[in-house]
ModelCIF file with pLDDT and N, C-alpha, C, O atoms, coordinates in Angstrom:
data_MODEL
#
_entry.id   MODEL 
#
_entity.id                         1 
_entity.type                       polymer 
_entity.pdbx_number_of_molecules   1 
#
_entity_poly.entity_id                      1 
_entity_poly.type                           'polypeptide(L)' 
_entity_poly.nstd_linkage                   no 
_entity_poly.nstd_monomer                   no 
_entity_poly.pdbx_seq_one_letter_code       QTGMDLAKELVQQYTNDYVLVVVAGMNYAEYVEAMDNKVVLASAEL 
_entity_poly.pdbx_seq_one_letter_code_can   QTGMDLAKELVQQYTNDYVLVVVAGMNYAEYVEAMDNKVVLASAEL 
_entity_poly.pdbx_strand_id                 A 
#
loop_
_entity_poly_seq.entity_id 
_entity_poly_seq.num 
_entity_poly_seq.mon_id 
_entity_poly_seq.hetero 
1 1  GLN n 
1 2  THR n 
1 3  GLY n 
1 4  MET n 
1 5  ASP n 
1 6  LEU n 
1 7  ALA n 
1 8  LYS n 
1 9  GLU n 
1 10 LEU n 
1 11 VAL n 
1 12 GLN n 
1 13 GLN n 
1 14 TYR n 
1 15 THR n 
1 16 ASN n 
1 17 ASP n 
1 18 TYR n 
1 19 VAL n 
1 20 LEU n 
1 21 VAL n 
1 22 VAL n 
1 23 VAL n 
1 24 ALA n 
1 25 GLY n 
1 26 MET n 
1 27 ASN n 
1 28 TYR n 
1 29 ALA n 
1 30 GLU n 
1 31 TYR n 
1 32 VAL n 
1 33 GLU n 
1 34 ALA n 
1 35 MET n 
1 36 ASP n 
1 37 ASN n 
1 38 LYS n 
1 39 VAL n 
1 40 VAL n 
1 41 LEU n 
1 42 ALA n 
1 43 SER n 
1 44 ALA n 
1 45 GLU n 
1 46 LEU n 
#
_struct_asym.id          A 
_struct_asym.entity_id   1 
#
loop_
_ma_qa_metric.id 
_ma_qa_metric.mode 
_ma_qa_metric.name 
_ma_qa_metric.software_group_id 
_ma_qa_metric.type 
1 global pLDDT . pLDDT 
2 local  pLDDT . pLDDT 
#
_ma_qa_metric_global.metric_id      1 
_ma_qa_metric_global.metric_value   93.78 
_ma_qa_metric_global.model_id       1 
_ma_qa_metric_global.ordinal_id     1 
#
loop_
_ma_qa_metric_local.label_asym_id 
_ma_qa_metric_local.label_comp_id 
_ma_qa_metric_local.label_seq_id 
_ma_qa_metric_local.metric_id 
_ma_qa_metric_local.metric_value 
_ma_qa_metric_local.model_id 
_ma_qa_metric_local.ordinal_id 
A GLN 1  2 98.00 1 1  
A THR 2  2 98.00 1 2  
A GLY 3  2 98.00 1 3  
A MET 4  2 98.00 1 4  
A ASP 5  2 98.00 1 5  
A LEU 6  2 98.00 1 6  
A ALA 7  2 98.00 1 7  
A LYS 8  2 97.00 1 8  
A GLU 9  2 97.00 1 9  
A LEU 10 2 97.00 1 10 
A VAL 11 2 96.00 1 11 
A GLN 12 2 95.00 1 12 
A GLN 13 2 96.00 1 13 
A TYR 14 2 95.00 1 14 
A THR 15 2 95.00 1 15 
A ASN 16 2 95.00 1 16 
A ASP 17 2 95.00 1 17 
A TYR 18 2 97.00 1 18 
A VAL 19 2 97.00 1 19 
A LEU 20 2 97.00 1 20 
A VAL 21 2 98.00 1 21 
A VAL 22 2 98.00 1 22 
A VAL 23 2 98.00 1 23 
A ALA 24 2 97.00 1 24 
A GLY 25 2 96.00 1 25 
A MET 26 2 96.00 1 26 
A ASN 27 2 94.00 1 27 
A TYR 28 2 94.00 1 28 
A ALA 29 2 92.00 1 29 
A GLU 30 2 90.00 1 30 
A TYR 31 2 90.00 1 31 
A VAL 32 2 90.00 1 32 
A GLU 33 2 88.00 1 33 
A ALA 34 2 87.00 1 34 
A MET 35 2 83.00 1 35 
A ASP 36 2 77.00 1 36 
A ASN 37 2 81.00 1 37 
A LYS 38 2 87.00 1 38 
A VAL 39 2 88.00 1 39 
A VAL 40 2 92.00 1 40 
A LEU 41 2 94.00 1 41 
A ALA 42 2 92.00 1 42 
A SER 43 2 92.00 1 43 
A ALA 44 2 95.00 1 44 
A GLU 45 2 95.00 1 45 
A LEU 46 2 95.00 1 46 
#
loop_
_atom_site.group_PDB 
_atom_site.id 
_atom_site.type_symbol 
_atom_site.label_atom_id 
_atom_site.label_alt_id 
_atom_site.label_comp_id 
_atom_site.label_asym_id 
_atom_site.label_entity_id 
_atom_site.label_seq_id 
_atom_site.pdbx_PDB_ins_code 
_atom_site.Cartn_x 
_atom_site.Cartn_y 
_atom_site.Cartn_z 
_atom_site.occupancy 
_atom_site.B_iso_or_equiv 
_atom_site.pdbx_formal_charge 
_atom_site.auth_seq_id 
_atom_site.auth_comp_id 
_atom_site.auth_asym_id 
_atom_site.auth_atom_id 
_atom_site.pdbx_PDB_model_num 
ATOM 1   N N  . GLN A 1 1  ? -7.011 -2.091  -11.481 1.00 98.00 ? 1  GLN A N  1 
ATOM 2   C CA . GLN A 1 1  ? -6.027 -2.948  -11.493 1.00 98.00 ? 1  GLN A CA 1 
ATOM 3   C C  . GLN A 1 1  ? -5.147 -2.958  -11.034 1.00 98.00 ? 1  GLN A C  1 
ATOM 4   O O  . GLN A 1 1  ? -4.851 -4.137  -10.841 1.00 98.00 ? 1  GLN A O  1 
ATOM 5   N N  . THR A 1 2  ? -3.738 -1.733  -10.337 1.00 98.00 ? 2  THR A N  1 
ATOM 6   C CA . THR A 1 2  ? -2.777 -1.588  -10.493 1.00 98.00 ? 2  THR A CA 1 
ATOM 7   C C  . THR A 1 2  ? -2.370 -2.265  -8.512  1.00 98.00 ? 2  THR A C  1 
ATOM 8   O O  . THR A 1 2  ? -1.633 -2.935  -7.789  1.00 98.00 ? 2  THR A O  1 
ATOM 9   N N  . GLY A 1 3  ? -3.978 -1.080  -8.643  1.00 98.00 ? 3  GLY A N  1 
ATOM 10  C CA . GLY A 1 3  ? -3.456 -2.549  -6.880  1.00 98.00 ? 3  GLY A CA 1 
ATOM 11  C C  . GLY A 1 3  ? -3.546 -3.384  -6.210  1.00 98.00 ? 3  GLY A C  1 
ATOM 12  O O  . GLY A 1 3  ? -2.882 -4.172  -5.537  1.00 98.00 ? 3  GLY A O  1 
ATOM 13  N N  . MET A 1 4  ? -5.309 -2.907  -6.692  1.00 98.00 ? 4  MET A N  1 
ATOM 14  C CA . MET A 1 4  ? -5.295 -5.554  -6.632  1.00 98.00 ? 4  MET A CA 1 
ATOM 15  C C  . MET A 1 4  ? -4.238 -5.704  -7.421  1.00 98.00 ? 4  MET A C  1 
ATOM 16  O O  . MET A 1 4  ? -4.951 -5.943  -8.395  1.00 98.00 ? 4  MET A O  1 
ATOM 17  N N  . ASP A 1 5  ? -3.171 -5.774  -7.858  1.00 98.00 ? 5  ASP A N  1 
ATOM 18  C CA . ASP A 1 5  ? -2.978 -6.658  -8.418  1.00 98.00 ? 5  ASP A CA 1 
ATOM 19  C C  . ASP A 1 5  ? -1.718 -6.647  -7.310  1.00 98.00 ? 5  ASP A C  1 
ATOM 20  O O  . ASP A 1 5  ? -1.496 -7.739  -6.787  1.00 98.00 ? 5  ASP A O  1 
ATOM 21  N N  . LEU A 1 6  ? -0.706 -5.304  -6.821  1.00 98.00 ? 6  LEU A N  1 
ATOM 22  C CA . LEU A 1 6  ? -0.251 -5.265  -6.148  1.00 98.00 ? 6  LEU A CA 1 
ATOM 23  C C  . LEU A 1 6  ? -1.098 -5.859  -4.353  1.00 98.00 ? 6  LEU A C  1 
ATOM 24  O O  . LEU A 1 6  ? -0.700 -6.930  -3.895  1.00 98.00 ? 6  LEU A O  1 
ATOM 25  N N  . ALA A 1 7  ? -1.482 -5.575  -4.074  1.00 98.00 ? 7  ALA A N  1 
ATOM 26  C CA . ALA A 1 7  ? -1.932 -5.839  -2.479  1.00 98.00 ? 7  ALA A CA 1 
ATOM 27  C C  . ALA A 1 7  ? -1.781 -7.729  -2.597  1.00 98.00 ? 7  ALA A C  1 
ATOM 28  O O  . ALA A 1 7  ? -1.314 -8.318  -1.623  1.00 98.00 ? 7  ALA A O  1 
ATOM 29  N N  . LYS A 1 8  ? -2.270 -8.629  -4.002  1.00 97.00 ? 8  LYS A N  1 
ATOM 30  C CA . LYS A 1 8  ? -2.027 -9.553  -4.756  1.00 97.00 ? 8  LYS A CA 1 
ATOM 31  C C  . LYS A 1 8  ? -1.127 -10.179 -4.079  1.00 97.00 ? 8  LYS A C  1 
ATOM 32  O O  . LYS A 1 8  ? -1.304 -10.889 -3.090  1.00 97.00 ? 8  LYS A O  1 
ATOM 33  N N  . GLU A 1 9  ? 0.404  -9.772  -4.913  1.00 97.00 ? 9  GLU A N  1 
ATOM 34  C CA . GLU A 1 9  ? 1.954  -9.900  -4.459  1.00 97.00 ? 9  GLU A CA 1 
ATOM 35  C C  . GLU A 1 9  ? 2.672  -9.950  -2.810  1.00 97.00 ? 9  GLU A C  1 
ATOM 36  O O  . GLU A 1 9  ? 3.486  -10.658 -2.216  1.00 97.00 ? 9  GLU A O  1 
ATOM 37  N N  . LEU A 1 10 ? 2.179  -9.247  -2.637  1.00 97.00 ? 10 LEU A N  1 
ATOM 38  C CA . LEU A 1 10 ? 2.098  -8.242  -1.249  1.00 97.00 ? 10 LEU A CA 1 
ATOM 39  C C  . LEU A 1 10 ? 1.510  -9.166  0.117   1.00 97.00 ? 10 LEU A C  1 
ATOM 40  O O  . LEU A 1 10 ? 1.971  -8.984  1.244   1.00 97.00 ? 10 LEU A O  1 
ATOM 41  N N  . VAL A 1 11 ? 0.502  -10.106 -0.155  1.00 96.00 ? 11 VAL A N  1 
ATOM 42  C CA . VAL A 1 11 ? 0.034  -10.711 0.660   1.00 96.00 ? 11 VAL A CA 1 
ATOM 43  C C  . VAL A 1 11 ? -0.143 -12.062 0.822   1.00 96.00 ? 11 VAL A C  1 
ATOM 44  O O  . VAL A 1 11 ? -0.679 -12.614 1.783   1.00 96.00 ? 11 VAL A O  1 
ATOM 45  N N  . GLN A 1 12 ? 0.595  -12.866 -0.713  1.00 95.00 ? 12 GLN A N  1 
ATOM 46  C CA . GLN A 1 12 ? 1.457  -13.988 -0.790  1.00 95.00 ? 12 GLN A CA 1 
ATOM 47  C C  . GLN A 1 12 ? 2.623  -13.457 -0.546  1.00 95.00 ? 12 GLN A C  1 
ATOM 48  O O  . GLN A 1 12 ? 3.542  -14.066 -1.094  1.00 95.00 ? 12 GLN A O  1 
ATOM 49  N N  . GLN A 1 13 ? 2.991  -12.363 0.198   1.00 96.00 ? 13 GLN A N  1 
ATOM 50  C CA . GLN A 1 13 ? 4.165  -12.018 1.558   1.00 96.00 ? 13 GLN A CA 1 
ATOM 51  C C  . GLN A 1 13 ? 4.271  -13.143 2.829   1.00 96.00 ? 13 GLN A C  1 
ATOM 52  O O  . GLN A 1 13 ? 5.235  -13.249 3.587   1.00 96.00 ? 13 GLN A O  1 
ATOM 53  N N  . TYR A 1 14 ? 3.093  -13.911 2.860   1.00 95.00 ? 14 TYR A N  1 
ATOM 54  C CA . TYR A 1 14 ? 2.852  -13.949 4.822   1.00 95.00 ? 14 TYR A CA 1 
ATOM 55  C C  . TYR A 1 14 ? 1.815  -15.184 4.166   1.00 95.00 ? 14 TYR A C  1 
ATOM 56  O O  . TYR A 1 14 ? 0.912  -15.261 3.333   1.00 95.00 ? 14 TYR A O  1 
ATOM 57  N N  . THR A 1 15 ? 2.770  -16.339 5.371   1.00 95.00 ? 15 THR A N  1 
ATOM 58  C CA . THR A 1 15 ? 2.147  -17.404 4.946   1.00 95.00 ? 15 THR A CA 1 
ATOM 59  C C  . THR A 1 15 ? 1.022  -17.757 6.369   1.00 95.00 ? 15 THR A C  1 
ATOM 60  O O  . THR A 1 15 ? -0.122 -18.197 6.486   1.00 95.00 ? 15 THR A O  1 
ATOM 61  N N  . ASN A 1 16 ? 1.557  -17.519 6.827   1.00 95.00 ? 16 ASN A N  1 
ATOM 62  C CA . ASN A 1 16 ? 1.133  -17.982 8.063   1.00 95.00 ? 16 ASN A CA 1 
ATOM 63  C C  . ASN A 1 16 ? -0.350 -16.906 9.297   1.00 95.00 ? 16 ASN A C  1 
ATOM 64  O O  . ASN A 1 16 ? -0.344 -15.735 9.674   1.00 95.00 ? 16 ASN A O  1 
ATOM 65  N N  . ASP A 1 17 ? -1.048 -17.680 9.462   1.00 95.00 ? 17 ASP A N  1 
ATOM 66  C CA . ASP A 1 17 ? -2.362 -17.279 10.318  1.00 95.00 ? 17 ASP A CA 1 
ATOM 67  C C  . ASP A 1 17 ? -2.859 -15.764 9.142   1.00 95.00 ? 17 ASP A C  1 
ATOM 68  O O  . ASP A 1 17 ? -2.292 -15.598 8.063   1.00 95.00 ? 17 ASP A O  1 
ATOM 69  N N  . TYR A 1 18 ? -3.976 -14.832 9.655   1.00 97.00 ? 18 TYR A N  1 
ATOM 70  C CA . TYR A 1 18 ? -4.336 -13.886 9.667   1.00 97.00 ? 18 TYR A CA 1 
ATOM 71  C C  . TYR A 1 18 ? -3.866 -12.533 9.045   1.00 97.00 ? 18 TYR A C  1 
ATOM 72  O O  . TYR A 1 18 ? -3.791 -11.778 10.015  1.00 97.00 ? 18 TYR A O  1 
ATOM 73  N N  . VAL A 1 19 ? -3.476 -11.772 7.812   1.00 97.00 ? 19 VAL A N  1 
ATOM 74  C CA . VAL A 1 19 ? -2.597 -10.647 7.057   1.00 97.00 ? 19 VAL A CA 1 
ATOM 75  C C  . VAL A 1 19 ? -4.307 -9.901  6.356   1.00 97.00 ? 19 VAL A C  1 
ATOM 76  O O  . VAL A 1 19 ? -5.329 -10.303 5.800   1.00 97.00 ? 19 VAL A O  1 
ATOM 77  N N  . LEU A 1 20 ? -3.493 -8.180  7.026   1.00 97.00 ? 20 LEU A N  1 
ATOM 78  C CA . LEU A 1 20 ? -4.319 -7.244  6.200   1.00 97.00 ? 20 LEU A CA 1 
ATOM 79  C C  . LEU A 1 20 ? -3.415 -6.651  5.392   1.00 97.00 ? 20 LEU A C  1 
ATOM 80  O O  . LEU A 1 20 ? -2.284 -6.351  5.774   1.00 97.00 ? 20 LEU A O  1 
ATOM 81  N N  . VAL A 1 21 ? -3.834 -6.458  4.289   1.00 98.00 ? 21 VAL A N  1 
ATOM 82  C CA . VAL A 1 21 ? -2.993 -5.737  3.511   1.00 98.00 ? 21 VAL A CA 1 
ATOM 83  C C  . VAL A 1 21 ? -3.495 -4.028  2.295   1.00 98.00 ? 21 VAL A C  1 
ATOM 84  O O  . VAL A 1 21 ? -3.402 -3.632  1.134   1.00 98.00 ? 21 VAL A O  1 
ATOM 85  N N  . VAL A 1 22 ? -3.993 -3.620  3.603   1.00 98.00 ? 22 VAL A N  1 
ATOM 86  C CA . VAL A 1 22 ? -3.536 -1.800  2.694   1.00 98.00 ? 22 VAL A CA 1 
ATOM 87  C C  . VAL A 1 22 ? -3.259 -1.345  1.650   1.00 98.00 ? 22 VAL A C  1 
ATOM 88  O O  . VAL A 1 22 ? -2.725 -2.321  1.124   1.00 98.00 ? 22 VAL A O  1 
ATOM 89  N N  . VAL A 1 23 ? -3.216 -0.419  0.799   1.00 98.00 ? 23 VAL A N  1 
ATOM 90  C CA . VAL A 1 23 ? -1.765 -0.072  -0.301  1.00 98.00 ? 23 VAL A CA 1 
ATOM 91  C C  . VAL A 1 23 ? -2.665 0.918   -1.108  1.00 98.00 ? 23 VAL A C  1 
ATOM 92  O O  . VAL A 1 23 ? -3.738 0.470   -1.514  1.00 98.00 ? 23 VAL A O  1 
ATOM 93  N N  . ALA A 1 24 ? -2.383 2.063   -1.352  1.00 97.00 ? 24 ALA A N  1 
ATOM 94  C CA . ALA A 1 24 ? -1.533 2.219   -2.676  1.00 97.00 ? 24 ALA A CA 1 
ATOM 95  C C  . ALA A 1 24 ? -1.487 2.368   -3.615  1.00 97.00 ? 24 ALA A C  1 
ATOM 96  O O  . ALA A 1 24 ? -1.233 3.531   -3.931  1.00 97.00 ? 24 ALA A O  1 
ATOM 97  N N  . GLY A 1 25 ? -1.703 1.288   -4.832  1.00 96.00 ? 25 GLY A N  1 
ATOM 98  C CA . GLY A 1 25 ? -1.393 0.786   -5.853  1.00 96.00 ? 25 GLY A CA 1 
ATOM 99  C C  . GLY A 1 25 ? -0.026 1.350   -6.854  1.00 96.00 ? 25 GLY A C  1 
ATOM 100 O O  . GLY A 1 25 ? 1.106  0.983   -7.168  1.00 96.00 ? 25 GLY A O  1 
ATOM 101 N N  . MET A 1 26 ? -0.981 2.486   -7.102  1.00 96.00 ? 26 MET A N  1 
ATOM 102 C CA . MET A 1 26 ? 0.619  3.494   -8.366  1.00 96.00 ? 26 MET A CA 1 
ATOM 103 C C  . MET A 1 26 ? 1.740  3.392   -7.686  1.00 96.00 ? 26 MET A C  1 
ATOM 104 O O  . MET A 1 26 ? 1.704  3.002   -6.519  1.00 96.00 ? 26 MET A O  1 
ATOM 105 N N  . ASN A 1 27 ? 2.912  3.723   -8.294  1.00 94.00 ? 27 ASN A N  1 
ATOM 106 C CA . ASN A 1 27 ? 4.075  3.720   -7.645  1.00 94.00 ? 27 ASN A CA 1 
ATOM 107 C C  . ASN A 1 27 ? 4.706  4.758   -7.585  1.00 94.00 ? 27 ASN A C  1 
ATOM 108 O O  . ASN A 1 27 ? 5.883  5.117   -7.613  1.00 94.00 ? 27 ASN A O  1 
ATOM 109 N N  . TYR A 1 28 ? 3.056  5.481   -7.436  1.00 94.00 ? 28 TYR A N  1 
ATOM 110 C CA . TYR A 1 28 ? 4.051  7.048   -7.631  1.00 94.00 ? 28 TYR A CA 1 
ATOM 111 C C  . TYR A 1 28 ? 3.360  7.713   -6.226  1.00 94.00 ? 28 TYR A C  1 
ATOM 112 O O  . TYR A 1 28 ? 3.296  8.942   -6.227  1.00 94.00 ? 28 TYR A O  1 
ATOM 113 N N  . ALA A 1 29 ? 2.755  6.894   -4.842  1.00 92.00 ? 29 ALA A N  1 
ATOM 114 C CA . ALA A 1 29 ? 2.132  7.187   -3.669  1.00 92.00 ? 29 ALA A CA 1 
ATOM 115 C C  . ALA A 1 29 ? 2.664  7.567   -3.130  1.00 92.00 ? 29 ALA A C  1 
ATOM 116 O O  . ALA A 1 29 ? 2.365  8.570   -2.482  1.00 92.00 ? 29 ALA A O  1 
ATOM 117 N N  . GLU A 1 30 ? 3.809  6.958   -3.085  1.00 90.00 ? 30 GLU A N  1 
ATOM 118 C CA . GLU A 1 30 ? 4.847  7.538   -1.582  1.00 90.00 ? 30 GLU A CA 1 
ATOM 119 C C  . GLU A 1 30 ? 5.799  9.275   -2.183  1.00 90.00 ? 30 GLU A C  1 
ATOM 120 O O  . GLU A 1 30 ? 6.188  10.190  -1.457  1.00 90.00 ? 30 GLU A O  1 
ATOM 121 N N  . TYR A 1 31 ? 5.888  9.170   -3.526  1.00 90.00 ? 31 TYR A N  1 
ATOM 122 C CA . TYR A 1 31 ? 6.248  10.643  -3.682  1.00 90.00 ? 31 TYR A CA 1 
ATOM 123 C C  . TYR A 1 31 ? 5.515  11.853  -3.337  1.00 90.00 ? 31 TYR A C  1 
ATOM 124 O O  . TYR A 1 31 ? 5.850  12.928  -2.840  1.00 90.00 ? 31 TYR A O  1 
ATOM 125 N N  . VAL A 1 32 ? 3.978  11.162  -3.910  1.00 90.00 ? 32 VAL A N  1 
ATOM 126 C CA . VAL A 1 32 ? 2.594  12.344  -3.548  1.00 90.00 ? 32 VAL A CA 1 
ATOM 127 C C  . VAL A 1 32 ? 3.021  12.949  -2.169  1.00 90.00 ? 32 VAL A C  1 
ATOM 128 O O  . VAL A 1 32 ? 3.325  14.121  -1.946  1.00 90.00 ? 32 VAL A O  1 
ATOM 129 N N  . GLU A 1 33 ? 2.964  11.533  -0.987  1.00 88.00 ? 33 GLU A N  1 
ATOM 130 C CA . GLU A 1 33 ? 3.332  12.041  0.370   1.00 88.00 ? 33 GLU A CA 1 
ATOM 131 C C  . GLU A 1 33 ? 5.002  12.767  0.612   1.00 88.00 ? 33 GLU A C  1 
ATOM 132 O O  . GLU A 1 33 ? 5.302  13.603  1.463   1.00 88.00 ? 33 GLU A O  1 
ATOM 133 N N  . ALA A 1 34 ? 5.606  12.349  -0.080  1.00 87.00 ? 34 ALA A N  1 
ATOM 134 C CA . ALA A 1 34 ? 7.113  12.652  0.037   1.00 87.00 ? 34 ALA A CA 1 
ATOM 135 C C  . ALA A 1 34 ? 7.041  14.339  -0.283  1.00 87.00 ? 34 ALA A C  1 
ATOM 136 O O  . ALA A 1 34 ? 7.151  15.261  0.526   1.00 87.00 ? 34 ALA A O  1 
ATOM 137 N N  . MET A 1 35 ? 6.869  14.383  -1.417  1.00 83.00 ? 35 MET A N  1 
ATOM 138 C CA . MET A 1 35 ? 7.395  15.382  -2.340  1.00 83.00 ? 35 MET A CA 1 
ATOM 139 C C  . MET A 1 35 ? 5.804  16.501  -1.987  1.00 83.00 ? 35 MET A C  1 
ATOM 140 O O  . MET A 1 35 ? 6.017  17.346  -1.118  1.00 83.00 ? 35 MET A O  1 
ATOM 141 N N  . ASP A 1 36 ? 4.920  16.507  -2.356  1.00 77.00 ? 36 ASP A N  1 
ATOM 142 C CA . ASP A 1 36 ? 3.832  17.059  -2.577  1.00 77.00 ? 36 ASP A CA 1 
ATOM 143 C C  . ASP A 1 36 ? 3.567  17.311  -1.121  1.00 77.00 ? 36 ASP A C  1 
ATOM 144 O O  . ASP A 1 36 ? 2.804  18.230  -0.821  1.00 77.00 ? 36 ASP A O  1 
ATOM 145 N N  . ASN A 1 37 ? 3.935  16.830  -0.511  1.00 81.00 ? 37 ASN A N  1 
ATOM 146 C CA . ASN A 1 37 ? 3.147  17.231  1.307   1.00 81.00 ? 37 ASN A CA 1 
ATOM 147 C C  . ASN A 1 37 ? 1.609  16.528  1.852   1.00 81.00 ? 37 ASN A C  1 
ATOM 148 O O  . ASN A 1 37 ? 0.955  16.698  2.880   1.00 81.00 ? 37 ASN A O  1 
ATOM 149 N N  . LYS A 1 38 ? 1.363  15.513  0.403   1.00 87.00 ? 38 LYS A N  1 
ATOM 150 C CA . LYS A 1 38 ? -0.079 15.024  1.235   1.00 87.00 ? 38 LYS A CA 1 
ATOM 151 C C  . LYS A 1 38 ? -0.207 13.552  1.758   1.00 87.00 ? 38 LYS A C  1 
ATOM 152 O O  . LYS A 1 38 ? 0.624  12.666  1.961   1.00 87.00 ? 38 LYS A O  1 
ATOM 153 N N  . VAL A 1 39 ? -1.671 13.636  1.907   1.00 88.00 ? 39 VAL A N  1 
ATOM 154 C CA . VAL A 1 39 ? -1.503 12.473  3.158   1.00 88.00 ? 39 VAL A CA 1 
ATOM 155 C C  . VAL A 1 39 ? -2.005 11.118  1.599   1.00 88.00 ? 39 VAL A C  1 
ATOM 156 O O  . VAL A 1 39 ? -2.814 11.343  0.699   1.00 88.00 ? 39 VAL A O  1 
ATOM 157 N N  . VAL A 1 40 ? -1.344 10.085  1.768   1.00 92.00 ? 40 VAL A N  1 
ATOM 158 C CA . VAL A 1 40 ? -2.108 8.985   0.946   1.00 92.00 ? 40 VAL A CA 1 
ATOM 159 C C  . VAL A 1 40 ? -1.994 7.355   2.036   1.00 92.00 ? 40 VAL A C  1 
ATOM 160 O O  . VAL A 1 40 ? -2.755 6.524   1.539   1.00 92.00 ? 40 VAL A O  1 
ATOM 161 N N  . LEU A 1 41 ? -1.637 7.076   2.656   1.00 94.00 ? 41 LEU A N  1 
ATOM 162 C CA . LEU A 1 41 ? -1.808 5.473   3.299   1.00 94.00 ? 41 LEU A CA 1 
ATOM 163 C C  . LEU A 1 41 ? -1.077 5.833   4.248   1.00 94.00 ? 41 LEU A C  1 
ATOM 164 O O  . LEU A 1 41 ? -0.794 4.872   4.964   1.00 94.00 ? 41 LEU A O  1 
ATOM 165 N N  . ALA A 1 42 ? -0.399 7.313   4.767   1.00 92.00 ? 42 ALA A N  1 
ATOM 166 C CA . ALA A 1 42 ? 0.210  7.413   6.547   1.00 92.00 ? 42 ALA A CA 1 
ATOM 167 C C  . ALA A 1 42 ? -0.905 7.593   7.836   1.00 92.00 ? 42 ALA A C  1 
ATOM 168 O O  . ALA A 1 42 ? -0.798 7.171   8.987   1.00 92.00 ? 42 ALA A O  1 
ATOM 169 N N  . SER A 1 43 ? -2.258 8.550   7.075   1.00 92.00 ? 43 SER A N  1 
ATOM 170 C CA . SER A 1 43 ? -2.998 7.992   8.588   1.00 92.00 ? 43 SER A CA 1 
ATOM 171 C C  . SER A 1 43 ? -4.235 6.899   8.349   1.00 92.00 ? 43 SER A C  1 
ATOM 172 O O  . SER A 1 43 ? -5.067 6.632   9.216   1.00 92.00 ? 43 SER A O  1 
ATOM 173 N N  . ALA A 1 44 ? -4.201 6.268   6.904   1.00 95.00 ? 44 ALA A N  1 
ATOM 174 C CA . ALA A 1 44 ? -4.727 5.324   7.569   1.00 95.00 ? 44 ALA A CA 1 
ATOM 175 C C  . ALA A 1 44 ? -3.849 4.308   8.160   1.00 95.00 ? 44 ALA A C  1 
ATOM 176 O O  . ALA A 1 44 ? -4.496 3.776   9.063   1.00 95.00 ? 44 ALA A O  1 
ATOM 177 N N  . GLU A 1 45 ? -2.225 3.587   8.042   1.00 95.00 ? 45 GLU A N  1 
ATOM 178 C CA . GLU A 1 45 ? -0.841 3.953   9.242   1.00 95.00 ? 45 GLU A CA 1 
ATOM 179 C C  . GLU A 1 45 ? -1.559 3.464   10.417  1.00 95.00 ? 45 GLU A C  1 
ATOM 180 O O  . GLU A 1 45 ? -1.733 2.363   10.939  1.00 95.00 ? 45 GLU A O  1 
ATOM 181 N N  . LEU A 1 46 ? -1.806 4.302   10.578  1.00 95.00 ? 46 LEU A N  1 
ATOM 182 C CA . LEU A 1 46 ? -1.796 4.836   11.870  1.00 95.00 ? 46 LEU A CA 1 
ATOM 183 C C  . LEU A 1 46 ? -3.383 5.036   12.236  1.00 95.00 ? 46 LEU A C  1 
ATOM 184 O O  . LEU A 1 46 ? -3.711 5.497   13.329  1.00 95.00 ? 46 LEU A O  1 
#
């Protein structure tokens, strides 16, 4: 639910054209990548 809510919220920032928003919605996703040195979304972005 958190991921779906975040994706819906972020996509509303873009009102023109086509937009694809990919999320890891938990607030600790960035921490897992930074502190635990584990890939969450970085490889998907690349």
